[in-house]
Amino acid sequence: MFFYLCPASAEISDVSNTLVDIYRAVRRHPEDILKFLRPLRPSRTAFNRIKRLTPKSDHELAGSFIFLNRACWNGLYRVNSDGIFNVPYGWPKTNVLIDENNFRRCATQLRRRGVTLCCQDFEEIDERVRKGDFVFFDPPYVTSHNMNGFVDWNERLFSWKDQIRLASLTRRLIARGANVLVTNADHEDIRELYSGIYYKTILRHSTLAADKSRRTQTSEAVFVGGPSYSKLGLSLPRTKVISYGKDGQRRAD
């Protein structure tokens, strides 16, 4: 979203130190990252070597991340409980790792005077958002009926209580006059959580199944609110707001 809009001022934040450090490296050392990537070509040998590599600098960290992202299965980035990257090699169909000119443009955009990078919880932005601001949230998606996503790791990454906090923050920012866009899984519990906020289903083809025959069409949810969206004539659904307690349990109607 940031690179699509290319705003003069923006705050990019994530709770992952590693991800924020990579953005900072792209901003500061784009040529060093490109120099790291140029001799590399996707292969199982190179993939295993980069997986084992302990980066000695921020540009090696960013270069390793980009290479693994391009060479792994379906472009996933996932680590185990020890913080070790554990996505298998993906047999990419091209040797091209990066569009260098586009990468330089991204670095230039990150270096704009009004752009800041922060490692923080999403709720930290609350007091800084003003009327007319645009806020985009793209949280880890809820993916199963028990509301915990991938139970073995996603509950620690982003719990159902975090989903509730995010929905509450979204309502506060909209009420303040900010324009907010949130994406998530098109899941009944998520739709209920954002009840009363304009909602649209977006269809796409799933790419995460190992068996190509199982990569069927799936849907995502987009929730929007704020003065700019109101001017578009988006009508709110006639649904009541569902509230949740701090324990994550739905309150009685």
Protein backbone atom coordinates (compact mmCIF):
# COMPACT_ATOMS: atom_id res chain seq x y z
CA MET A 1 0.00 0.00 0.00
CA PHE A 2 2.80 2.43 0.91
CA PHE A 3 4.72 1.88 -2.32
CA TYR A 4 1.50 2.03 -4.35
CA LEU A 5 0.43 5.40 -2.91
CA CYS A 6 3.95 6.87 -2.46
CA PRO A 7 2.83 9.46 0.13
CA ALA A 8 5.03 12.42 1.07
CA SER A 9 4.64 11.51 4.74
CA ALA A 10 3.83 8.21 6.38
CA GLU A 11 4.53 5.98 9.36
CA ILE A 12 5.30 2.34 8.60
CA SER A 13 5.23 0.06 11.60
CA ASP A 14 5.34 -3.59 12.53
CA VAL A 15 5.91 -5.53 15.74
CA SER A 16 8.70 -7.54 14.07
CA ASN A 17 12.16 -6.10 14.72
CA THR A 18 13.57 -8.09 11.83
CA LEU A 19 11.10 -6.74 9.30
CA VAL A 20 11.60 -3.14 10.40
CA ASP A 21 15.39 -3.60 10.30
CA ILE A 22 15.08 -4.86 6.72
CA TYR A 23 13.11 -1.75 5.70
CA ARG A 24 15.76 0.40 7.35
CA ALA A 25 18.50 -1.43 5.45
CA VAL A 26 16.67 -0.90 2.14
CA ARG A 27 16.40 2.80 2.97
CA ARG A 28 20.06 3.21 3.93
CA HIS A 29 22.01 0.70 1.83
CA PRO A 30 20.17 -0.24 -1.39
CA GLU A 31 23.35 -0.59 -3.45
CA ASP A 32 25.01 -2.86 -0.88
CA ILE A 33 21.93 -5.09 -0.89
CA LEU A 34 21.95 -5.26 -4.69
CA LYS A 35 25.67 -6.08 -4.65
CA PHE A 36 24.91 -8.97 -2.24
CA LEU A 37 22.13 -10.31 -4.48
CA ARG A 38 23.75 -10.02 -7.94
CA PRO A 39 25.92 -13.17 -7.81
CA LEU A 40 23.11 -15.30 -6.38
CA ARG A 41 20.88 -17.58 -8.44
CA PRO A 42 18.02 -19.69 -7.07
CA SER A 43 19.19 -23.24 -6.40
CA ARG A 44 18.78 -25.67 -3.54
CA THR A 45 22.48 -25.35 -2.70
CA ALA A 46 22.39 -21.55 -2.57
CA PHE A 47 19.10 -21.65 -0.69
CA ASN A 48 20.47 -23.91 2.05
CA ARG A 49 23.64 -21.82 2.30
CA ILE A 50 21.72 -18.54 2.76
CA LYS A 51 19.40 -20.21 5.29
CA ARG A 52 22.43 -21.09 7.40
CA LEU A 53 24.06 -17.69 6.96
CA THR A 54 24.45 -15.47 10.02
CA PRO A 55 24.25 -11.92 8.59
CA LYS A 56 27.16 -9.70 9.61
CA SER A 57 25.46 -6.45 8.58
CA ASP A 58 22.01 -5.01 8.00
CA HIS A 59 22.43 -5.17 4.20
CA GLU A 60 23.32 -8.89 4.45
CA LEU A 61 20.19 -9.37 6.59
CA ALA A 62 18.03 -7.64 3.98
CA GLY A 63 19.71 -9.41 1.07
CA SER A 64 19.26 -12.81 2.72
CA PHE A 65 15.59 -12.06 3.41
CA ILE A 66 14.96 -11.04 -0.21
CA PHE A 67 16.75 -14.09 -1.60
CA LEU A 68 14.92 -16.54 0.67
CA ASN A 69 11.60 -14.85 -0.08
CA ARG A 70 12.17 -15.21 -3.83
CA ALA A 71 13.53 -18.75 -3.69
CA CYS A 72 11.31 -20.39 -1.07
CA TRP A 73 7.94 -22.06 -1.47
CA ASN A 74 5.27 -19.50 -2.39
CA GLY A 75 7.22 -16.54 -1.04
CA LEU A 76 6.43 -17.32 2.60
CA TYR A 77 8.45 -16.03 5.51
CA ARG A 78 8.06 -18.28 8.53
CA VAL A 79 10.36 -19.16 11.42
CA ASN A 80 10.23 -21.92 14.01
CA SER A 81 10.21 -21.51 17.79
CA ASP A 82 13.99 -20.92 17.70
CA GLY A 83 13.61 -18.10 15.17
CA ILE A 84 15.10 -20.18 12.33
CA PHE A 85 13.62 -19.78 8.83
CA ASN A 86 11.88 -23.06 8.02
CA VAL A 87 10.14 -22.71 4.65
CA PRO A 88 11.37 -25.25 2.05
CA TYR A 89 12.98 -24.45 -1.29
CA GLY A 90 10.37 -23.51 -3.88
CA TRP A 91 11.95 -24.31 -7.27
CA PRO A 92 11.27 -20.83 -8.71
CA LYS A 93 10.68 -20.62 -12.46
CA THR A 94 12.97 -17.62 -12.97
CA ASN A 95 16.49 -16.68 -11.96
CA VAL A 96 15.53 -13.02 -11.62
CA LEU A 97 15.67 -12.12 -7.95
CA ILE A 98 14.88 -8.43 -8.09
CA ASP A 99 14.09 -5.51 -10.41
CA GLU A 100 17.01 -3.26 -9.51
CA ASN A 101 15.49 -0.01 -10.81
CA ASN A 102 12.24 -0.60 -8.97
CA PHE A 103 14.20 -1.51 -5.83
CA ARG A 104 16.06 1.81 -6.01
CA ARG A 105 12.76 3.65 -6.37
CA CYS A 106 11.49 1.90 -3.25
CA ALA A 107 14.61 2.94 -1.34
CA THR A 108 14.15 6.53 -2.49
CA GLN A 109 10.54 6.53 -1.31
CA LEU A 110 11.59 5.21 2.11
CA ARG A 111 14.14 8.03 2.39
CA ARG A 112 11.55 10.79 2.01
CA ARG A 113 11.80 13.28 4.86
CA GLY A 114 8.28 12.62 6.12
CA VAL A 115 8.55 8.80 6.21
CA THR A 116 9.30 7.07 9.52
CA LEU A 117 9.83 3.41 10.40
CA CYS A 118 8.77 2.09 13.80
CA CYS A 119 8.87 -1.25 15.57
CA GLN A 120 5.79 -1.19 17.77
CA ASP A 121 2.42 -2.66 18.62
CA PHE A 122 -0.29 -1.39 16.28
CA GLU A 123 -2.15 0.35 19.12
CA GLU A 124 0.79 2.71 19.65
CA ILE A 125 -0.44 4.85 16.74
CA ASP A 126 -3.73 5.66 18.48
CA GLU A 127 -2.91 9.13 19.84
CA ARG A 128 -1.00 10.20 16.68
CA VAL A 129 -3.79 9.62 14.18
CA ARG A 130 -5.68 12.78 13.24
CA LYS A 131 -8.84 13.59 11.33
CA GLY A 132 -8.35 13.00 7.61
CA ASP A 133 -5.41 10.61 8.02
CA PHE A 134 -5.41 7.32 6.12
CA VAL A 135 -4.63 4.17 8.13
CA PHE A 136 -4.15 0.72 6.60
CA PHE A 137 -4.14 -2.41 8.77
CA ASP A 138 -3.11 -5.80 7.37
CA PRO A 139 -3.05 -8.19 10.36
CA PRO A 140 -2.32 -11.93 10.38
CA TYR A 141 -5.54 -13.50 9.21
CA VAL A 142 -7.93 -15.62 11.22
CA THR A 143 -8.00 -18.93 9.36
CA SER A 144 -9.97 -21.45 11.40
CA HIS A 145 -13.23 -21.81 13.27
CA ASN A 146 -11.58 -21.54 16.70
CA MET A 147 -10.47 -17.98 15.90
CA ASN A 148 -6.82 -18.68 16.62
CA GLY A 149 -5.58 -19.09 13.06
CA PHE A 150 -2.81 -21.66 12.73
CA VAL A 151 -3.10 -22.93 16.28
CA ASP A 152 0.51 -24.07 16.62
CA TRP A 153 2.03 -20.63 16.05
CA ASN A 154 -0.42 -17.95 15.01
CA GLU A 155 -2.01 -17.60 18.45
CA ARG A 156 1.34 -16.35 19.74
CA LEU A 157 1.84 -14.17 16.69
CA PHE A 158 -1.56 -12.48 16.73
CA SER A 159 -4.23 -13.78 19.09
CA TRP A 160 -7.98 -13.38 19.01
CA LYS A 161 -7.63 -10.75 21.74
CA ASP A 162 -5.33 -8.86 19.36
CA GLN A 163 -8.02 -9.09 16.68
CA ILE A 164 -10.48 -7.57 19.16
CA ARG A 165 -8.04 -4.77 20.04
CA LEU A 166 -7.54 -4.01 16.35
CA ALA A 167 -11.29 -3.83 15.67
CA SER A 168 -11.75 -1.52 18.67
CA LEU A 169 -8.93 0.75 17.47
CA THR A 170 -10.46 0.80 14.00
CA ARG A 171 -13.76 2.05 15.44
CA ARG A 172 -12.01 4.74 17.50
CA LEU A 173 -10.06 6.05 14.53
CA ILE A 174 -13.12 6.14 12.29
CA ALA A 175 -15.03 8.01 15.00
CA ARG A 176 -12.14 10.50 15.15
CA GLY A 177 -12.53 11.21 11.43
CA ALA A 178 -9.66 9.10 10.07
CA ASN A 179 -10.04 6.96 6.97
CA VAL A 180 -9.32 3.32 7.81
CA LEU A 181 -8.96 0.22 5.63
CA VAL A 182 -8.56 -3.23 7.20
CA THR A 183 -8.01 -6.54 5.43
CA ASN A 184 -8.59 -9.96 6.95
CA ALA A 185 -9.93 -13.42 6.20
CA ASP A 186 -13.55 -13.54 5.06
CA HIS A 187 -14.49 -15.33 8.25
CA GLU A 188 -17.83 -15.22 10.07
CA ASP A 189 -16.24 -14.25 13.38
CA ILE A 190 -14.25 -11.43 11.76
CA ARG A 191 -17.34 -10.10 9.98
CA GLU A 192 -19.12 -10.09 13.32
CA LEU A 193 -16.17 -8.34 14.98
CA TYR A 194 -16.39 -5.47 12.44
CA SER A 195 -20.18 -5.44 12.39
CA GLY A 196 -21.52 -2.02 11.40
CA ILE A 197 -18.45 -1.09 9.34
CA TYR A 198 -18.70 -1.23 5.54
CA TYR A 199 -17.57 -4.64 4.32
CA LYS A 200 -16.75 -6.11 0.93
CA THR A 201 -15.64 -9.57 -0.16
CA ILE A 202 -12.65 -9.82 -2.50
CA LEU A 203 -12.20 -13.08 -4.42
CA ARG A 204 -8.75 -14.40 -5.33
CA HIS A 205 -7.06 -17.68 -6.19
CA SER A 206 -5.37 -19.43 -3.29
CA THR A 207 -1.68 -20.25 -3.83
CA LEU A 208 -0.81 -21.87 -0.51
CA ALA A 209 -1.85 -25.48 -1.09
CA ALA A 210 1.04 -27.81 -1.92
CA ASP A 211 -1.19 -29.68 -4.39
CA LYS A 212 -2.03 -27.33 -7.29
CA SER A 213 -5.39 -29.07 -7.75
CA ARG A 214 -6.41 -27.80 -4.30
CA ARG A 215 -5.58 -24.16 -5.05
CA THR A 216 -9.18 -23.06 -5.38
CA GLN A 217 -10.75 -19.62 -5.29
CA THR A 218 -10.85 -18.09 -1.83
CA SER A 219 -12.18 -14.85 -0.39
CA GLU A 220 -10.81 -12.06 1.78
CA ALA A 221 -12.62 -9.37 3.70
CA VAL A 222 -12.05 -5.64 3.33
CA PHE A 223 -13.49 -3.23 5.91
CA VAL A 224 -13.49 0.54 5.31
CA GLY A 225 -14.71 3.59 7.17
CA GLY A 226 -14.13 7.33 7.46
CA PRO A 227 -15.13 10.59 5.76
CA SER A 228 -13.50 9.84 2.40
CA TYR A 229 -15.31 6.53 2.13
CA SER A 230 -18.58 8.17 3.14
CA LYS A 231 -18.23 10.54 0.17
CA LEU A 232 -18.16 7.50 -2.10
CA GLY A 233 -21.69 6.68 -1.01
CA LEU A 234 -20.81 3.38 0.63
CA SER A 235 -23.82 2.37 2.67
CA LEU A 236 -23.19 0.76 6.04
CA PRO A 237 -24.72 -2.66 6.67
CA ARG A 238 -27.69 -2.60 9.01
CA THR A 239 -26.13 -4.67 11.75
CA LYS A 240 -25.57 -4.10 15.42
CA VAL A 241 -22.15 -3.76 16.98
CA ILE A 242 -20.99 -6.81 18.91
CA SER A 243 -18.86 -6.05 21.97
CA TYR A 244 -16.16 -8.16 23.64
CA GLY A 245 -14.65 -8.04 27.08
CA LYS A 246 -10.92 -7.84 27.89
CA ASP A 247 -10.91 -11.62 28.30
CA GLY A 248 -11.80 -11.96 24.61
CA GLN A 249 -15.29 -13.28 25.34
CA ARG A 250 -18.37 -11.90 23.64
CA ARG A 251 -20.53 -9.84 25.95
CA ALA A 252 -24.18 -10.60 26.41
CA ASP A 253 -26.49 -8.62 24.10
